[in-house]
């Protein structure tokens, strides 16, 4: 039965790491999206002047 404890622990670690990875990926995607919005706003402002 001890093998099942190691299996569960490894499974839990993998899911925690995947969750952290997706959380970080989502944050980066939001940063890129925000930066893209800023660049588009600058482009529009330059076109008006």
N, C-alpha and C. Protein backbone atom coordinates (compact mmCIF):
# COMPACT_ATOMS: atom_id res chain seq x y z
N UNK A 1 0.81 -1.20 0.00
CA UNK A 1 0.00 0.00 0.00
C UNK A 1 0.86 1.26 0.00
N UNK A 2 2.11 1.13 0.40
CA UNK A 2 2.96 2.31 0.45
C UNK A 2 3.21 2.87 -0.95
N UNK A 3 3.20 2.00 -1.96
CA UNK A 3 3.39 2.47 -3.32
C UNK A 3 2.27 3.41 -3.76
N UNK A 4 1.06 3.15 -3.27
CA UNK A 4 -0.05 4.02 -3.62
C UNK A 4 0.12 5.41 -3.01
N UNK A 5 0.74 5.48 -1.85
CA UNK A 5 1.00 6.79 -1.24
C UNK A 5 1.98 7.59 -2.09
N UNK A 6 3.01 6.93 -2.58
CA UNK A 6 3.96 7.61 -3.46
C UNK A 6 3.31 8.01 -4.78
N UNK A 7 2.47 7.14 -5.29
CA UNK A 7 1.76 7.44 -6.53
C UNK A 7 0.85 8.65 -6.35
N UNK A 8 0.11 8.68 -5.26
CA UNK A 8 -0.77 9.82 -4.97
C UNK A 8 0.04 11.09 -4.79
N UNK A 9 1.16 11.01 -4.07
CA UNK A 9 2.00 12.19 -3.85
C UNK A 9 2.56 12.71 -5.18
N UNK A 10 3.01 11.81 -6.03
CA UNK A 10 3.54 12.23 -7.33
C UNK A 10 2.44 12.85 -8.18
N UNK A 11 1.28 12.25 -8.16
CA UNK A 11 0.13 12.76 -8.91
C UNK A 11 -0.24 14.16 -8.43
N UNK A 12 -0.25 14.36 -7.11
CA UNK A 12 -0.58 15.66 -6.53
C UNK A 12 0.47 16.70 -6.92
N UNK A 13 1.73 16.33 -6.87
CA UNK A 13 2.80 17.26 -7.24
C UNK A 13 2.68 17.67 -8.70
N UNK A 14 2.38 16.73 -9.56
CA UNK A 14 2.23 17.04 -10.99
C UNK A 14 1.09 18.03 -11.20
N UNK A 15 -0.05 17.80 -10.54
CA UNK A 15 -1.19 18.72 -10.70
C UNK A 15 -0.88 20.10 -10.13
N UNK A 16 -0.17 20.15 -9.03
CA UNK A 16 0.21 21.45 -8.45
C UNK A 16 1.14 22.19 -9.40
N UNK A 17 2.11 21.49 -9.96
CA UNK A 17 3.03 22.12 -10.92
C UNK A 17 2.29 22.58 -12.17
N UNK A 18 1.38 21.76 -12.67
CA UNK A 18 0.60 22.17 -13.85
C UNK A 18 -0.27 23.39 -13.53
N UNK A 19 -0.87 23.40 -12.37
CA UNK A 19 -1.67 24.56 -11.96
C UNK A 19 -0.83 25.82 -11.89
N UNK A 20 0.36 25.72 -11.31
CA UNK A 20 1.26 26.87 -11.25
C UNK A 20 1.69 27.33 -12.62
N UNK A 21 1.96 26.38 -13.49
CA UNK A 21 2.36 26.71 -14.86
C UNK A 21 1.25 27.45 -15.59
N UNK A 22 0.03 26.93 -15.50
CA UNK A 22 -1.09 27.58 -16.18
C UNK A 22 -1.40 28.94 -15.58
N UNK A 23 -1.25 29.09 -14.27
CA UNK A 23 -1.45 30.38 -13.62
C UNK A 23 -0.44 31.39 -14.13
N UNK A 24 0.82 30.99 -14.22
CA UNK A 24 1.87 31.88 -14.72
C UNK A 24 1.66 32.20 -16.19
N UNK A 25 1.27 31.21 -16.96
CA UNK A 25 1.00 31.41 -18.38
C UNK A 25 -0.15 32.40 -18.58
N UNK A 26 -1.18 32.29 -17.77
CA UNK A 26 -2.31 33.21 -17.84
C UNK A 26 -1.87 34.63 -17.49
N UNK A 27 -1.03 34.78 -16.48
CA UNK A 27 -0.53 36.11 -16.12
C UNK A 27 0.27 36.72 -17.26
N UNK A 28 1.14 35.94 -17.88
CA UNK A 28 1.93 36.43 -19.01
C UNK A 28 1.04 36.83 -20.17
N UNK A 29 0.02 36.04 -20.44
CA UNK A 29 -0.91 36.34 -21.52
C UNK A 29 -1.64 37.65 -21.25
N UNK A 30 -2.04 37.88 -20.01
CA UNK A 30 -2.69 39.13 -19.65
C UNK A 30 -1.74 40.31 -19.80
N UNK A 31 -0.48 40.14 -19.43
CA UNK A 31 0.51 41.21 -19.59
C UNK A 31 0.71 41.54 -21.06
N UNK A 32 0.82 40.53 -21.89
CA UNK A 32 1.01 40.74 -23.32
C UNK A 32 -0.20 41.43 -23.92
N UNK A 33 -1.39 41.00 -23.51
CA UNK A 33 -2.62 41.61 -24.01
C UNK A 33 -2.69 43.09 -23.61
N UNK A 34 -2.33 43.38 -22.37
CA UNK A 34 -2.34 44.77 -21.90
C UNK A 34 -1.32 45.61 -22.68
N UNK A 35 -0.14 45.06 -22.90
CA UNK A 35 0.89 45.78 -23.66
C UNK A 35 0.44 46.01 -25.10
N UNK A 36 -0.21 45.04 -25.70
CA UNK A 36 -0.72 45.19 -27.05
C UNK A 36 -1.77 46.29 -27.11
N UNK A 37 -2.63 46.35 -26.11
CA UNK A 37 -3.62 47.44 -26.05
C UNK A 37 -2.94 48.80 -25.97
N UNK A 38 -1.87 48.88 -25.18
CA UNK A 38 -1.12 50.13 -25.06
C UNK A 38 -0.51 50.53 -26.40
N UNK A 39 0.09 49.59 -27.09
CA UNK A 39 0.71 49.88 -28.38
C UNK A 39 -0.32 50.29 -29.41
N UNK A 40 -1.48 49.64 -29.40
CA UNK A 40 -2.54 50.02 -30.33
C UNK A 40 -3.04 51.43 -30.04
N UNK A 41 -3.14 51.79 -28.76
CA UNK A 41 -3.57 53.13 -28.38
C UNK A 41 -2.54 54.17 -28.83
N UNK A 42 -1.26 53.85 -28.71
CA UNK A 42 -0.22 54.77 -29.17
C UNK A 42 -0.29 54.95 -30.67
N UNK A 43 -0.55 53.89 -31.38
CA UNK A 43 -0.65 53.96 -32.83
C UNK A 43 -1.82 54.84 -33.25
N UNK A 44 -2.95 54.70 -32.57
CA UNK A 44 -4.12 55.52 -32.87
C UNK A 44 -3.83 56.98 -32.56
N UNK A 45 -3.15 57.24 -31.44
CA UNK A 45 -2.82 58.62 -31.06
C UNK A 45 -1.88 59.25 -32.08
N UNK A 46 -0.92 58.51 -32.59
CA UNK A 46 0.01 59.05 -33.59
C UNK A 46 -0.71 59.33 -34.90
N UNK A 47 -1.69 58.54 -35.23
CA UNK A 47 -2.43 58.73 -36.46
C UNK A 47 -3.30 59.97 -36.42
N UNK A 48 -3.73 60.38 -35.24
CA UNK A 48 -4.60 61.56 -35.10
C UNK A 48 -3.81 62.85 -35.14
N UNK A 49 -2.54 62.83 -34.76
CA UNK A 49 -1.77 64.08 -34.70
C UNK A 49 -1.05 64.40 -35.98
